Amino acid sequence: MAVITISRQVGSGGEAIARQVCDVLKYRYFDKQIMIEAASEVGLHKDHVVDYSEDEYEARHIVARLFRAGPRPIKTVAVKARDKSGAETLSEATIDEAQYVELVKNSIEAAYESGDMVILGRGGQAVLQDKANVLHIRVVAPTGTRIARLQREESLTVEEAQQRINQRDRATSEYLGRFFGIRWDDSTLYHLVINTGKLDVDAAVQLIMDAVVQLRAGLID
């Protein structure tokens, strides 16, 4: 059993690669349903679960970073409890981003224990950095390739695609640095860094498949 983490730049094709790897290996794809399963084990209702990853994170403005350093609220949820008489009461609780990131971490740990999983983003390369039988992949591409892909897939202008790239790169960098203590572009975190400006999806998937074979054979750590 092995787990694969894939970190990707927006517009690099990393999600297509992750899903194709799942199809070929018959692995599960880490998604909100996996998180709901993990949350239920600690008593959280599925309505309380938010898949809070770098894809949803908004980079903080410099003023917020300087003067509002605490975690931001993400969701208000209903909480049921019973008083001493046995009567059920209903109250509200606000869950902040740090609490949701902790849920993400716990869910990734649970996914690792079950094995045969592809984890796209969400800091998997940090949470599972020292675990055995984990293959860490990073998918990148030149800016021009990323712009062209976003234009094609999302019907954006060049300017819109460039803005999307700038925003997502900044948010991802801040999210992973703030909550996981890593630089997402640190190549030493990964077994393979794949440039989709040079390789198409099929070739990238084949590289990952070859690496999985080596991982299972104990030829790579």
Protein backbone atom coordinates (compact mmCIF):
# COMPACT_ATOMS: atom_id res chain seq x y z
CA MET A 1 0.00 0.00 0.00
CA ALA A 2 1.28 3.44 -0.87
CA VAL A 3 0.12 7.04 -0.71
CA ILE A 4 0.93 9.70 -3.30
CA THR A 5 0.89 13.43 -2.54
CA ILE A 6 0.78 15.83 -5.46
CA SER A 7 1.52 19.53 -5.09
CA ARG A 8 0.77 21.56 -8.19
CA GLN A 9 0.83 25.07 -9.54
CA VAL A 10 -2.50 26.32 -10.82
CA GLY A 11 -2.61 25.79 -14.57
CA SER A 12 0.04 23.05 -14.50
CA GLY A 13 -2.37 20.17 -15.13
CA GLY A 14 -1.70 18.62 -11.74
CA GLU A 15 -5.33 17.73 -11.08
CA ALA A 16 -5.67 15.85 -14.39
CA ILE A 17 -2.49 13.95 -13.55
CA ALA A 18 -3.76 13.11 -10.06
CA ARG A 19 -7.08 11.78 -11.35
CA GLN A 20 -5.43 9.72 -14.08
CA VAL A 21 -3.04 8.19 -11.56
CA CYS A 22 -6.09 7.22 -9.48
CA ASP A 23 -7.71 5.60 -12.51
CA VAL A 24 -4.60 3.62 -13.44
CA LEU A 25 -3.72 2.46 -9.93
CA LYS A 26 -7.34 2.12 -8.73
CA TYR A 27 -6.47 4.43 -5.83
CA ARG A 28 -8.96 6.62 -3.99
CA TYR A 29 -8.87 10.35 -4.59
CA PHE A 30 -8.67 12.38 -1.38
CA ASP A 31 -11.71 14.65 -1.35
CA LYS A 32 -14.38 16.04 0.95
CA GLN A 33 -16.00 12.63 1.35
CA ILE A 34 -12.77 11.28 2.83
CA MET A 35 -12.75 14.21 5.23
CA ILE A 36 -16.36 13.55 6.23
CA GLU A 37 -15.45 9.96 7.05
CA ALA A 38 -12.53 11.13 9.19
CA ALA A 39 -14.63 13.82 10.89
CA SER A 40 -17.35 11.34 11.82
CA GLU A 41 -14.79 9.35 13.80
CA VAL A 42 -14.27 12.33 16.11
CA GLY A 43 -17.95 13.16 16.43
CA LEU A 44 -18.29 15.91 13.84
CA HIS A 45 -21.40 16.04 11.66
CA LYS A 46 -20.88 16.08 7.90
CA ASP A 47 -22.48 19.55 7.71
CA HIS A 48 -19.62 20.87 9.85
CA VAL A 49 -16.94 19.78 7.39
CA VAL A 50 -15.32 22.27 5.06
CA ASP A 51 -12.54 21.09 2.75
CA TYR A 52 -10.36 24.05 3.66
CA SER A 53 -7.29 23.86 1.45
CA GLU A 54 -5.00 26.26 -0.36
CA ASP A 55 -7.60 26.36 -3.16
CA GLU A 56 -10.05 28.15 -0.84
CA TYR A 57 -7.52 30.19 1.10
CA GLU A 58 -7.28 33.92 0.42
CA ALA A 59 -3.93 35.54 1.05
CA ARG A 60 -4.00 38.13 3.79
CA HIS A 61 -3.57 41.80 3.10
CA ILE A 62 -0.47 43.24 4.76
CA VAL A 63 -2.64 45.18 7.25
CA ALA A 64 -4.35 41.96 8.35
CA ARG A 65 -1.02 40.22 8.71
CA LEU A 66 0.29 43.00 10.93
CA PHE A 67 -2.72 43.79 13.09
CA ARG A 68 -5.09 40.81 12.85
CA ALA A 69 -2.80 37.84 13.27
CA GLY A 70 -5.40 35.48 14.75
CA PRO A 71 -7.25 32.80 12.79
CA ARG A 72 -10.16 33.90 10.63
CA PRO A 73 -13.65 32.45 11.19
CA ILE A 74 -14.73 30.12 8.39
CA LYS A 75 -18.14 28.72 9.26
CA THR A 76 -20.84 28.98 11.90
CA VAL A 77 -22.31 25.60 12.77
CA ALA A 78 -25.19 24.34 14.89
CA VAL A 79 -24.14 22.45 18.01
CA LYS A 80 -26.54 20.15 19.85
CA ALA A 81 -26.18 19.40 23.55
CA ARG A 82 -28.25 18.10 26.44
CA ASP A 83 -28.67 19.86 29.74
CA LYS A 84 -28.92 18.17 33.17
CA SER A 85 -32.63 17.52 32.70
CA GLY A 86 -31.96 15.69 29.46
CA ALA A 87 -33.50 18.39 27.29
CA GLU A 88 -31.75 19.03 24.00
CA THR A 89 -30.41 22.51 23.38
CA LEU A 90 -29.19 24.06 20.19
CA SER A 91 -26.45 26.66 20.01
CA GLU A 92 -24.07 28.09 17.46
CA ALA A 93 -20.30 27.79 17.31
CA THR A 94 -17.86 29.47 14.98
CA ILE A 95 -15.07 27.33 13.61
CA ASP A 96 -11.98 29.15 12.46
CA GLU A 97 -9.46 28.36 9.75
CA ALA A 98 -6.89 26.89 12.16
CA GLN A 99 -9.45 24.37 13.41
CA TYR A 100 -10.33 23.36 9.87
CA VAL A 101 -6.68 22.99 8.92
CA GLU A 102 -6.30 20.68 11.91
CA LEU A 103 -9.20 18.64 10.52
CA VAL A 104 -7.43 18.50 7.15
CA LYS A 105 -4.26 17.26 8.86
CA ASN A 106 -6.15 14.59 10.78
CA SER A 107 -7.93 13.50 7.61
CA ILE A 108 -4.63 13.17 5.76
CA GLU A 109 -3.25 11.07 8.60
CA ALA A 110 -6.34 8.84 8.40
CA ALA A 111 -5.94 8.57 4.63
CA TYR A 112 -2.34 7.48 5.11
CA GLU A 113 -3.42 4.72 7.48
CA SER A 114 -5.92 3.39 4.94
CA GLY A 115 -3.40 3.58 2.08
CA ASP A 116 -3.86 3.48 -1.69
CA MET A 117 -4.71 7.17 -1.85
CA VAL A 118 -3.79 10.18 -3.99
CA ILE A 119 -3.77 13.44 -2.03
CA LEU A 120 -3.80 16.58 -4.18
CA GLY A 121 -2.60 19.67 -2.34
CA ARG A 122 -3.76 20.36 1.22
CA GLY A 123 -0.21 20.20 2.62
CA GLY A 124 0.06 16.44 2.23
CA GLN A 125 3.76 16.75 1.43
CA ALA A 126 4.29 18.33 4.87
CA VAL A 127 1.94 16.18 6.96
CA LEU A 128 3.37 12.93 5.56
CA GLN A 129 6.94 14.09 5.00
CA ASP A 130 8.49 11.56 7.38
CA LYS A 131 6.10 8.68 6.71
CA ALA A 132 7.12 5.46 4.97
CA ASN A 133 5.58 4.37 1.65
CA VAL A 134 4.68 7.89 0.56
CA LEU A 135 5.63 9.31 -2.82
CA HIS A 136 5.78 13.11 -3.02
CA ILE A 137 5.27 14.73 -6.43
CA ARG A 138 5.33 18.37 -7.50
CA VAL A 139 3.84 19.46 -10.84
CA VAL A 140 4.99 22.76 -12.33
CA ALA A 141 4.93 24.52 -15.70
CA PRO A 142 6.27 27.71 -17.27
CA THR A 143 4.05 30.76 -16.85
CA GLY A 144 3.19 30.83 -20.56
CA THR A 145 2.02 27.21 -20.44
CA ARG A 146 -0.06 27.89 -17.35
CA ILE A 147 -1.68 30.95 -18.92
CA ALA A 148 -2.50 29.05 -22.10
CA ARG A 149 -4.03 26.16 -20.15
CA LEU A 150 -6.19 28.46 -18.01
CA GLN A 151 -7.32 30.32 -21.12
CA ARG A 152 -8.30 27.05 -22.76
CA GLU A 153 -9.95 25.43 -19.75
CA GLU A 154 -11.66 28.46 -18.18
CA SER A 155 -12.09 30.85 -21.14
CA LEU A 156 -9.97 33.55 -19.52
CA THR A 157 -8.12 36.40 -21.15
CA VAL A 158 -4.34 36.53 -20.86
CA GLU A 159 -4.67 39.23 -18.21
CA GLU A 160 -7.26 37.27 -16.23
CA ALA A 161 -5.17 34.11 -16.37
CA GLN A 162 -2.07 35.96 -15.20
CA GLN A 163 -4.03 37.51 -12.34
CA ARG A 164 -5.38 34.10 -11.33
CA ILE A 165 -1.87 32.66 -11.30
CA ASN A 166 -0.51 35.52 -9.21
CA GLN A 167 -3.35 35.27 -6.68
CA ARG A 168 -3.24 31.49 -6.32
CA ASP A 169 0.56 31.33 -6.09
CA ARG A 170 0.58 33.93 -3.35
CA ALA A 171 -2.29 32.30 -1.46
CA THR A 172 -0.78 28.82 -1.70
CA SER A 173 2.62 30.05 -0.55
CA GLU A 174 1.07 31.83 2.43
CA TYR A 175 -1.25 28.93 3.34
CA LEU A 176 1.47 26.29 3.33
CA GLY A 177 3.95 28.53 5.10
CA ARG A 178 1.52 29.67 7.76
CA PHE A 179 -0.16 26.36 8.60
CA PHE A 180 2.45 23.76 7.63
CA GLY A 181 5.75 25.60 7.97
CA ILE A 182 7.05 24.80 4.47
CA ARG A 183 8.00 26.62 1.30
CA TRP A 184 5.85 24.93 -1.31
CA ASP A 185 8.52 25.44 -4.01
CA ASP A 186 11.21 23.68 -1.94
CA SER A 187 12.24 20.88 -4.31
CA THR A 188 13.81 18.87 -1.48
CA LEU A 189 10.30 18.01 -0.25
CA TYR A 190 9.59 15.91 -3.33
CA HIS A 191 10.74 12.70 -4.98
CA LEU A 192 9.84 14.04 -8.43
CA VAL A 193 9.31 17.54 -9.83
CA ILE A 194 7.48 17.23 -13.16
CA ASN A 195 7.43 20.06 -15.69
CA THR A 196 4.30 19.82 -17.86
CA GLY A 197 5.79 22.37 -20.19
CA LYS A 198 8.07 19.50 -21.25
CA LEU A 199 5.87 16.44 -20.60
CA ASP A 200 2.20 15.78 -21.31
CA VAL A 201 -0.21 14.18 -18.84
CA ASP A 202 0.40 10.62 -20.07
CA ALA A 203 4.16 10.97 -19.77
CA ALA A 204 3.84 12.51 -16.31
CA VAL A 205 1.59 9.67 -15.16
CA GLN A 206 4.06 7.11 -16.49
CA LEU A 207 6.88 8.71 -14.49
CA ILE A 208 4.77 8.51 -11.36
CA MET A 209 3.88 4.88 -12.08
CA ASP A 210 7.56 4.00 -12.46
CA ALA A 211 8.31 5.73 -9.15
CA VAL A 212 5.50 3.83 -7.41
CA VAL A 213 7.03 0.54 -8.59
CA GLN A 214 10.38 1.59 -7.12
CA LEU A 215 8.73 2.71 -3.88
CA ARG A 216 6.96 -0.62 -3.48
CA ALA A 217 10.24 -2.44 -4.15
CA GLY A 218 11.95 -0.42 -1.43
CA LEU A 219 14.33 1.22 -3.88
CA ILE A 220 13.41 4.76 -2.83
CA ASP A 221 12.56 6.21 0.59
